[in-house]
Every structure is written in structure tokens, then in C-alpha cells.
Amino acid sequence: MLFMLLLLCLVFLFHSNNLLLSLLILEMLGFMMLFYISSNLSVVFASDFVVLTLFSIFVMEGVIALSGLIMLVSFSGSDYVSSASLVKL
């Protein structure tokens, strides 16, 4: 089930033109991978260090995605219209 969801998300990311949805799906995939890995590793290692390390990686990934969202929102309307009109040409 998780593999099929991952495959569908990768197909969507490859064919998607919407950057915001792509970033949100990447965040969801990162959170699911973090949860899956930490739930399995906590049984094997019984260590909180591994879970904290994976959580810090997830936080850094979130900061990168938020900076991408801020860059996406910071475009003004005229920039978006001009870039869309250039794409249509």
C-alpha cells in the first residue's frame, strides 16, 4: 500500500505543473518515511537518538520547503503574468 502511494506521488510529481502541490506532496512523503523508519528503528535499536536525528532531518527538509513556498508567494502578479505569457509563446 505504501509502495503504491509512493509510486502515485512520484508520477504526480513528474507530471505536475503546480509547484505548491508538489512541495506539499514532498513534505507528506517525507513525514511518512520519517514515521515508518522511526517506528521500525525504535523497535530494533530502542534508542531515541535515531528518532531525534531523523526528526531533525525532517525539520531541515521543512525549512527548505518553506523557503521554497516563500519564494513562490513573493512573486508579484505582473511577474506571474509575464512568465505565463512567455510560456504561451
PDB file of N, CA and C in Angstrom:
ATOM      1  N   MET A   1       0.827  -1.194   0.000  1.00  0.00           N
ATOM      2  CA  MET A   1       0.000   0.000   0.000  1.00  0.00           C
ATOM      3  C   MET A   1       0.873   1.261   0.000  1.00  0.00           C
ATOM      4  N   LEU A   2       1.862   1.265   0.879  1.00  0.00           N
ATOM      5  CA  LEU A   2       2.752   2.425   0.949  1.00  0.00           C
ATOM      6  C   LEU A   2       3.562   2.574  -0.341  1.00  0.00           C
ATOM      7  N   PHE A   3       3.951   1.430  -0.918  1.00  0.00           N
ATOM      8  CA  PHE A   3       4.705   1.478  -2.171  1.00  0.00           C
ATOM      9  C   PHE A   3       3.855   2.044  -3.301  1.00  0.00           C
ATOM     10  N   MET A   4       2.576   1.660  -3.351  1.00  0.00           N
ATOM     11  CA  MET A   4       1.692   2.179  -4.396  1.00  0.00           C
ATOM     12  C   MET A   4       1.472   3.683  -4.231  1.00  0.00           C
ATOM     13  N   LEU A   5       1.316   4.133  -2.977  1.00  0.00           N
ATOM     14  CA  LEU A   5       1.155   5.564  -2.731  1.00  0.00           C
ATOM     15  C   LEU A   5       2.410   6.331  -3.132  1.00  0.00           C
ATOM     16  N   LEU A   6       3.561   5.770  -2.820  1.00  0.00           N
ATOM     17  CA  LEU A   6       4.823   6.397  -3.211  1.00  0.00           C
ATOM     18  C   LEU A   6       4.941   6.470  -4.729  1.00  0.00           C
ATOM     19  N   LEU A   7       4.552   5.404  -5.414  1.00  0.00           N
ATOM     20  CA  LEU A   7       4.617   5.390  -6.870  1.00  0.00           C
ATOM     21  C   LEU A   7       3.670   6.418  -7.487  1.00  0.00           C
ATOM     22  N   LEU A   8       2.446   6.511  -6.950  1.00  0.00           N
ATOM     23  CA  LEU A   8       1.497   7.501  -7.454  1.00  0.00           C
ATOM     24  C   LEU A   8       1.987   8.926  -7.214  1.00  0.00           C
ATOM     25  N   CYS A   9       2.582   9.166  -6.049  1.00  0.00           N
ATOM     26  CA  CYS A   9       3.098  10.507  -5.750  1.00  0.00           C
ATOM     27  C   CYS A   9       4.262  10.867  -6.667  1.00  0.00           C
ATOM     28  N   LEU A  10       5.126   9.904  -6.962  1.00  0.00           N
ATOM     29  CA  LEU A  10       6.238  10.185  -7.867  1.00  0.00           C
ATOM     30  C   LEU A  10       5.749  10.470  -9.283  1.00  0.00           C
ATOM     31  N   VAL A  11       4.715   9.742  -9.728  1.00  0.00           N
ATOM     32  CA  VAL A  11       4.143  10.019 -11.049  1.00  0.00           C
ATOM     33  C   VAL A  11       3.527  11.411 -11.059  1.00  0.00           C
ATOM     34  N   PHE A  12       2.826  11.779  -9.966  1.00  0.00           N
ATOM     35  CA  PHE A  12       2.230  13.112  -9.896  1.00  0.00           C
ATOM     36  C   PHE A  12       3.298  14.198  -9.905  1.00  0.00           C
ATOM     37  N   LEU A  13       4.383  13.982  -9.159  1.00  0.00           N
ATOM     38  CA  LEU A  13       5.444  14.982  -9.116  1.00  0.00           C
ATOM     39  C   LEU A  13       6.119  15.136 -10.474  1.00  0.00           C
ATOM     40  N   PHE A  14       6.214  14.053 -11.228  1.00  0.00           N
ATOM     41  CA  PHE A  14       6.869  14.123 -12.530  1.00  0.00           C
ATOM     42  C   PHE A  14       6.014  14.870 -13.549  1.00  0.00           C
ATOM     43  N   HIS A  15       4.686  14.712 -13.461  1.00  0.00           N
ATOM     44  CA  HIS A  15       3.804  15.315 -14.455  1.00  0.00           C
ATOM     45  C   HIS A  15       3.108  16.582 -13.965  1.00  0.00           C
ATOM     46  N   SER A  16       3.382  17.016 -12.749  1.00  0.00           N
ATOM     47  CA  SER A  16       2.659  18.156 -12.194  1.00  0.00           C
ATOM     48  C   SER A  16       3.303  19.463 -12.625  1.00  0.00           C
ATOM     49  N   ASN A  17       2.447  20.467 -12.835  1.00  0.00           N
ATOM     50  CA  ASN A  17       2.931  21.816 -13.121  1.00  0.00           C
ATOM     51  C   ASN A  17       2.749  22.745 -11.928  1.00  0.00           C
ATOM     52  N   ASN A  18       2.108  22.272 -10.870  1.00  0.00           N
ATOM     53  CA  ASN A  18       1.815  23.099  -9.707  1.00  0.00           C
ATOM     54  C   ASN A  18       2.912  22.888  -8.661  1.00  0.00           C
ATOM     55  N   LEU A  19       3.716  23.913  -8.433  1.00  0.00           N
ATOM     56  CA  LEU A  19       4.837  23.800  -7.508  1.00  0.00           C
ATOM     57  C   LEU A  19       4.373  23.661  -6.068  1.00  0.00           C
ATOM     58  N   LEU A  20       3.294  24.336  -5.694  1.00  0.00           N
ATOM     59  CA  LEU A  20       2.809  24.274  -4.321  1.00  0.00           C
ATOM     60  C   LEU A  20       2.353  22.868  -3.966  1.00  0.00           C
ATOM     61  N   LEU A  21       1.591  22.231  -4.845  1.00  0.00           N
ATOM     62  CA  LEU A  21       1.155  20.858  -4.579  1.00  0.00           C
ATOM     63  C   LEU A  21       2.332  19.899  -4.559  1.00  0.00           C
ATOM     64  N   SER A  22       3.314  20.137  -5.399  1.00  0.00           N
ATOM     65  CA  SER A  22       4.499  19.278  -5.408  1.00  0.00           C
ATOM     66  C   SER A  22       5.249  19.373  -4.084  1.00  0.00           C
ATOM     67  N   LEU A  23       5.399  20.593  -3.559  1.00  0.00           N
ATOM     68  CA  LEU A  23       6.081  20.752  -2.273  1.00  0.00           C
ATOM     69  C   LEU A  23       5.294  20.115  -1.137  1.00  0.00           C
ATOM     70  N   LEU A  24       3.964  20.246  -1.175  1.00  0.00           N
ATOM     71  CA  LEU A  24       3.154  19.627  -0.129  1.00  0.00           C
ATOM     72  C   LEU A  24       3.233  18.109  -0.186  1.00  0.00           C
ATOM     73  N   ILE A  25       3.248  17.543  -1.384  1.00  0.00           N
ATOM     74  CA  ILE A  25       3.351  16.086  -1.506  1.00  0.00           C
ATOM     75  C   ILE A  25       4.731  15.613  -1.067  1.00  0.00           C
ATOM     76  N   LEU A  26       5.766  16.373  -1.378  1.00  0.00           N
ATOM     77  CA  LEU A  26       7.097  16.010  -0.900  1.00  0.00           C
ATOM     78  C   LEU A  26       7.177  16.045   0.622  1.00  0.00           C
ATOM     79  N   GLU A  27       6.529  17.024   1.247  1.00  0.00           N
ATOM     80  CA  GLU A  27       6.503  17.078   2.705  1.00  0.00           C
ATOM     81  C   GLU A  27       5.747  15.885   3.283  1.00  0.00           C
ATOM     82  N   MET A  28       4.622  15.518   2.648  1.00  0.00           N
ATOM     83  CA  MET A  28       3.853  14.376   3.130  1.00  0.00           C
ATOM     84  C   MET A  28       4.656  13.084   2.996  1.00  0.00           C
ATOM     85  N   LEU A  29       5.362  12.928   1.875  1.00  0.00           N
ATOM     86  CA  LEU A  29       6.196  11.744   1.699  1.00  0.00           C
ATOM     87  C   LEU A  29       7.332  11.708   2.718  1.00  0.00           C
ATOM     88  N   GLY A  30       7.937  12.857   2.973  1.00  0.00           N
ATOM     89  CA  GLY A  30       8.998  12.905   3.973  1.00  0.00           C
ATOM     90  C   GLY A  30       8.500  12.546   5.357  1.00  0.00           C
ATOM     91  N   PHE A  31       7.303  13.026   5.707  1.00  0.00           N
ATOM     92  CA  PHE A  31       6.750  12.697   7.017  1.00  0.00           C
ATOM     93  C   PHE A  31       6.401  11.217   7.112  1.00  0.00           C
ATOM     94  N   MET A  32       5.843  10.647   6.039  1.00  0.00           N
ATOM     95  CA  MET A  32       5.507   9.219   6.073  1.00  0.00           C
ATOM     96  C   MET A  32       6.759   8.364   6.170  1.00  0.00           C
ATOM     97  N   MET A  33       7.818   8.740   5.433  1.00  0.00           N
ATOM     98  CA  MET A  33       9.062   7.983   5.526  1.00  0.00           C
ATOM     99  C   MET A  33       9.678   8.113   6.910  1.00  0.00           C
ATOM    100  N   LEU A  34       9.625   9.308   7.484  1.00  0.00           N
ATOM    101  CA  LEU A  34      10.157   9.506   8.829  1.00  0.00           C
ATOM    102  C   LEU A  34       9.402   8.665   9.842  1.00  0.00           C
ATOM    103  N   PHE A  35       8.073   8.650   9.743  1.00  0.00           N
ATOM    104  CA  PHE A  35       7.272   7.871  10.679  1.00  0.00           C
ATOM    105  C   PHE A  35       7.537   6.380  10.523  1.00  0.00           C
ATOM    106  N   TYR A  36       7.618   5.913   9.280  1.00  0.00           N
ATOM    107  CA  TYR A  36       7.832   4.488   9.030  1.00  0.00           C
ATOM    108  C   TYR A  36       9.209   4.047   9.518  1.00  0.00           C
ATOM    109  N   ILE A  37      10.235   4.833   9.204  1.00  0.00           N
ATOM    110  CA  ILE A  37      11.595   4.464   9.606  1.00  0.00           C
ATOM    111  C   ILE A  37      11.751   4.548  11.117  1.00  0.00           C
ATOM    112  N   SER A  38      11.218   5.596  11.725  1.00  0.00           N
ATOM    113  CA  SER A  38      11.386   5.731  13.176  1.00  0.00           C
ATOM    114  C   SER A  38      10.595   4.674  13.927  1.00  0.00           C
ATOM    115  N   SER A  39       9.426   4.282  13.419  1.00  0.00           N
ATOM    116  CA  SER A  39       8.664   3.239  14.111  1.00  0.00           C
ATOM    117  C   SER A  39       9.358   1.892  14.006  1.00  0.00           C
ATOM    118  N   ASN A  40      10.027   1.630  12.882  1.00  0.00           N
ATOM    119  CA  ASN A  40      10.734   0.354  12.750  1.00  0.00           C
ATOM    120  C   ASN A  40      12.073   0.367  13.475  1.00  0.00           C
ATOM    121  N   LEU A  41      12.788   1.478  13.435  1.00  0.00           N
ATOM    122  CA  LEU A  41      14.094   1.519  14.085  1.00  0.00           C
ATOM    123  C   LEU A  41      13.986   1.593  15.598  1.00  0.00           C
ATOM    124  N   SER A  42      12.897   2.149  16.102  1.00  0.00           N
ATOM    125  CA  SER A  42      12.771   2.232  17.554  1.00  0.00           C
ATOM    126  C   SER A  42      12.589   0.851  18.168  1.00  0.00           C
ATOM    127  N   VAL A  43      12.036  -0.082  17.411  1.00  0.00           N
ATOM    128  CA  VAL A  43      11.897  -1.448  17.915  1.00  0.00           C
ATOM    129  C   VAL A  43      13.247  -2.150  17.903  1.00  0.00           C
ATOM    130  N   VAL A  44      14.045  -1.910  16.854  1.00  0.00           N
ATOM    131  CA  VAL A  44      15.319  -2.613  16.720  1.00  0.00           C
ATOM    132  C   VAL A  44      16.370  -2.031  17.657  1.00  0.00           C
ATOM    133  N   PHE A  45      16.549  -0.720  17.614  1.00  0.00           N
ATOM    134  CA  PHE A  45      17.624  -0.104  18.384  1.00  0.00           C
ATOM    135  C   PHE A  45      17.200   0.334  19.778  1.00  0.00           C
ATOM    136  N   ALA A  46      15.919   0.581  19.975  1.00  0.00           N
ATOM    137  CA  ALA A  46      15.399   1.096  21.244  1.00  0.00           C
ATOM    138  C   ALA A  46      16.178   2.336  21.676  1.00  0.00           C
ATOM    139  N   SER A  47      16.443   3.207  20.729  1.00  0.00           N
ATOM    140  CA  SER A  47      17.229   4.398  21.005  1.00  0.00           C
ATOM    141  C   SER A  47      16.472   5.624  20.529  1.00  0.00           C
ATOM    142  N   ASP A  48      16.446   6.641  21.372  1.00  0.00           N
ATOM    143  CA  ASP A  48      15.795   7.887  20.988  1.00  0.00           C
ATOM    144  C   ASP A  48      16.691   8.744  20.104  1.00  0.00           C
ATOM    145  N   PHE A  49      17.983   8.450  20.096  1.00  0.00           N
ATOM    146  CA  PHE A  49      18.903   9.251  19.290  1.00  0.00           C
ATOM    147  C   PHE A  49      18.582   9.141  17.802  1.00  0.00           C
ATOM    148  N   VAL A  50      18.232   7.937  17.350  1.00  0.00           N
ATOM    149  CA  VAL A  50      17.923   7.737  15.931  1.00  0.00           C
ATOM    150  C   VAL A  50      16.667   8.507  15.556  1.00  0.00           C
ATOM    151  N   VAL A  51      15.661   8.461  16.423  1.00  0.00           N
ATOM    152  CA  VAL A  51      14.410   9.161  16.151  1.00  0.00           C
ATOM    153  C   VAL A  51      14.639  10.671  16.144  1.00  0.00           C
ATOM    154  N   LEU A  52      15.429  11.174  17.079  1.00  0.00           N
ATOM    155  CA  LEU A  52      15.718  12.608  17.109  1.00  0.00           C
ATOM    156  C   LEU A  52      16.531  13.050  15.896  1.00  0.00           C
ATOM    157  N   THR A  53      17.445  12.202  15.449  1.00  0.00           N
ATOM    158  CA  THR A  53      18.221  12.530  14.254  1.00  0.00           C
ATOM    159  C   THR A  53      17.328  12.605  13.027  1.00  0.00           C
ATOM    160  N   LEU A  54      16.440  11.621  12.877  1.00  0.00           N
ATOM    161  CA  LEU A  54      15.525  11.640  11.738  1.00  0.00           C
ATOM    162  C   LEU A  54      14.566  12.822  11.819  1.00  0.00           C
ATOM    163  N   PHE A  55      14.143  13.177  13.033  1.00  0.00           N
ATOM    164  CA  PHE A  55      13.255  14.327  13.177  1.00  0.00           C
ATOM    165  C   PHE A  55      13.966  15.624  12.811  1.00  0.00           C
ATOM    166  N   SER A  56      15.240  15.740  13.164  1.00  0.00           N
ATOM    167  CA  SER A  56      15.979  16.954  12.801  1.00  0.00           C
ATOM    168  C   SER A  56      16.160  17.047  11.288  1.00  0.00           C
ATOM    169  N   ILE A  57      16.356  15.904  10.626  1.00  0.00           N
ATOM    170  CA  ILE A  57      16.432  15.912   9.160  1.00  0.00           C
ATOM    171  C   ILE A  57      15.106  16.366   8.578  1.00  0.00           C
ATOM    172  N   PHE A  58      13.997  15.898   9.154  1.00  0.00           N
ATOM    173  CA  PHE A  58      12.679  16.296   8.668  1.00  0.00           C
ATOM    174  C   PHE A  58      12.446  17.791   8.873  1.00  0.00           C
ATOM    175  N   VAL A  59      12.920  18.340   9.991  1.00  0.00           N
ATOM    176  CA  VAL A  59      12.766  19.775  10.243  1.00  0.00           C
ATOM    177  C   VAL A  59      13.567  20.579   9.223  1.00  0.00           C
ATOM    178  N   MET A  60      14.781  20.123   8.918  1.00  0.00           N
ATOM    179  CA  MET A  60      15.571  20.825   7.899  1.00  0.00           C
ATOM    180  C   MET A  60      14.890  20.761   6.536  1.00  0.00           C
ATOM    181  N   GLU A  61      14.286  19.610   6.218  1.00  0.00           N
ATOM    182  CA  GLU A  61      13.549  19.498   4.962  1.00  0.00           C
ATOM    183  C   GLU A  61      12.356  20.451   4.950  1.00  0.00           C
ATOM    184  N   GLY A  62      11.701  20.604   6.089  1.00  0.00           N
ATOM    185  CA  GLY A  62      10.578  21.533   6.184  1.00  0.00           C
ATOM    186  C   GLY A  62      11.005  22.974   6.001  1.00  0.00           C
ATOM    187  N   VAL A  63      12.164  23.325   6.533  1.00  0.00           N
ATOM    188  CA  VAL A  63      12.670  24.693   6.362  1.00  0.00           C
ATOM    189  C   VAL A  63      12.972  24.965   4.892  1.00  0.00           C
ATOM    190  N   ILE A  64      13.546  23.974   4.213  1.00  0.00           N
ATOM    191  CA  ILE A  64      13.828  24.145   2.782  1.00  0.00           C
ATOM    192  C   ILE A  64      12.534  24.302   1.999  1.00  0.00           C
ATOM    193  N   ALA A  65      11.514  23.492   2.338  1.00  0.00           N
ATOM    194  CA  ALA A  65      10.235  23.591   1.629  1.00  0.00           C
ATOM    195  C   ALA A  65       9.545  24.918   1.923  1.00  0.00           C
ATOM    196  N   LEU A  66       9.629  25.392   3.159  1.00  0.00           N
ATOM    197  CA  LEU A  66       9.018  26.682   3.481  1.00  0.00           C
ATOM    198  C   LEU A  66       9.721  27.830   2.769  1.00  0.00           C
ATOM    199  N   SER A  67      11.025  27.738   2.633  1.00  0.00           N
ATOM    200  CA  SER A  67      11.714  28.790   1.884  1.00  0.00           C
ATOM    201  C   SER A  67      11.300  28.767   0.418  1.00  0.00           C
ATOM    202  N   GLY A  68      11.053  27.570  -0.118  1.00  0.00           N
ATOM    203  CA  GLY A  68      10.539  27.489  -1.483  1.00  0.00           C
ATOM    204  C   GLY A  68       9.153  28.074  -1.603  1.00  0.00           C
ATOM    205  N   LEU A  69       8.308  27.838  -0.591  1.00  0.00           N
ATOM    206  CA  LEU A  69       6.968  28.422  -0.607  1.00  0.00           C
ATOM    207  C   LEU A  69       7.020  29.939  -0.494  1.00  0.00           C
ATOM    208  N   ILE A  70       7.927  30.456   0.326  1.00  0.00           N
ATOM    209  CA  ILE A  70       8.058  31.908   0.464  1.00  0.00           C
ATOM    210  C   ILE A  70       8.520  32.515  -0.857  1.00  0.00           C
ATOM    211  N   MET A  71       9.449  31.846  -1.534  1.00  0.00           N
ATOM    212  CA  MET A  71       9.880  32.347  -2.841  1.00  0.00           C
ATOM    213  C   MET A  71       8.740  32.291  -3.845  1.00  0.00           C
ATOM    214  N   LEU A  72       7.896  31.259  -3.749  1.00  0.00           N
ATOM    215  CA  LEU A  72       6.767  31.140  -4.668  1.00  0.00           C
ATOM    216  C   LEU A  72       5.749  32.240  -4.429  1.00  0.00           C
ATOM    217  N   VAL A  73       5.487  32.565  -3.149  1.00  0.00           N
ATOM    218  CA  VAL A  73       4.492  33.580  -2.820  1.00  0.00           C
ATOM    219  C   VAL A  73       5.034  34.981  -3.075  1.00  0.00           C
ATOM    220  N   SER A  74       6.342  35.158  -3.002  1.00  0.00           N
ATOM    221  CA  SER A  74       6.907  36.501  -3.126  1.00  0.00           C
ATOM    222  C   SER A  74       6.857  37.041  -4.548  1.00  0.00           C
ATOM    223  N   PHE A  75       6.541  36.222  -5.534  1.00  0.00           N
ATOM    224  CA  PHE A  75       6.377  36.742  -6.890  1.00  0.00           C
ATOM    225  C   PHE A  75       5.170  37.654  -6.941  1.00  0.00           C
ATOM    226  N   SER A  76       5.319  38.754  -7.640  1.00  0.00           N
ATOM    227  CA  SER A  76       4.168  39.648  -7.803  1.00  0.00           C
ATOM    228  C   SER A  76       3.312  39.162  -8.964  1.00  0.00           C
ATOM    229  N   GLY A  77       2.128  39.728  -9.086  1.00  0.00           N
ATOM    230  CA  GLY A  77       1.215  39.302 -10.135  1.00  0.00           C
ATOM    231  C   GLY A  77       1.753  39.570 -11.521  1.00  0.00           C
ATOM    232  N   SER A  78       2.464  40.692 -11.685  1.00  0.00           N
ATOM    233  CA  SER A  78       2.981  41.019 -13.014  1.00  0.00           C
ATOM    234  C   SER A  78       4.056  40.025 -13.442  1.00  0.00           C
ATOM    235  N   ASP A  79       4.874  39.570 -12.479  1.00  0.00           N
ATOM    236  CA  ASP A  79       5.879  38.565 -12.816  1.00  0.00           C
ATOM    237  C   ASP A  79       5.215  37.276 -13.272  1.00  0.00           C
ATOM    238  N   TYR A  80       4.132  36.897 -12.567  1.00  0.00           N
ATOM    239  CA  TYR A  80       3.446  35.659 -12.924  1.00  0.00           C
ATOM    240  C   TYR A  80       2.801  35.776 -14.299  1.00  0.00           C
ATOM    241  N   VAL A  81       2.187  36.939 -14.572  1.00  0.00           N
ATOM    242  CA  VAL A  81       1.528  37.126 -15.869  1.00  0.00           C
ATOM    243  C   VAL A  81       2.558  37.136 -16.992  1.00  0.00           C
ATOM    244  N   SER A  82       3.683  37.806 -16.770  1.00  0.00           N
ATOM    245  CA  SER A  82       4.689  37.868 -17.830  1.00  0.00           C
ATOM    246  C   SER A  82       5.310  36.499 -18.069  1.00  0.00           C
ATOM    247  N   SER A  83       5.556  35.741 -16.992  1.00  0.00           N
ATOM    248  CA  SER A  83       6.136  34.416 -17.194  1.00  0.00           C
ATOM    249  C   SER A  83       5.129  33.484 -17.847  1.00  0.00           C
ATOM    250  N   ALA A  84       3.833  33.618 -17.492  1.00  0.00           N
ATOM    251  CA  ALA A  84       2.817  32.771 -18.119  1.00  0.00           C
ATOM    252  C   ALA A  84       2.662  33.125 -19.591  1.00  0.00           C
ATOM    253  N   SER A  85       2.769  34.419 -19.919  1.00  0.00           N
ATOM    254  CA  SER A  85       2.637  34.798 -21.326  1.00  0.00           C
ATOM    255  C   SER A  85       3.857  34.352 -22.127  1.00  0.00           C
ATOM    256  N   LEU A  86       5.037  34.326 -21.498  1.00  0.00           N
ATOM    257  CA  LEU A  86       6.216  33.829 -22.201  1.00  0.00           C
ATOM    258  C   LEU A  86       6.122  32.333 -22.444  1.00  0.00           C
ATOM    259  N   VAL A  87       5.521  31.616 -21.498  1.00  0.00           N
ATOM    260  CA  VAL A  87       5.363  30.179 -21.682  1.00  0.00           C
ATOM    261  C   VAL A  87       4.399  29.903 -22.823  1.00  0.00           C
ATOM    262  N   LYS A  88       3.362  30.736 -22.958  1.00  0.00           N
ATOM    263  CA  LYS A  88       2.390  30.531 -24.036  1.00  0.00           C
ATOM    264  C   LYS A  88       2.998  30.797 -25.406  1.00  0.00           C
ATOM    265  N   LEU A  89       4.013  31.646 -25.459  1.00  0.00           N
ATOM    266  CA  LEU A  89       4.663  31.918 -26.744  1.00  0.00           C
ATOM    267  C   LEU A  89       5.471  30.716 -27.154  1.00  0.00           C
TER     268      LEU A  89
END
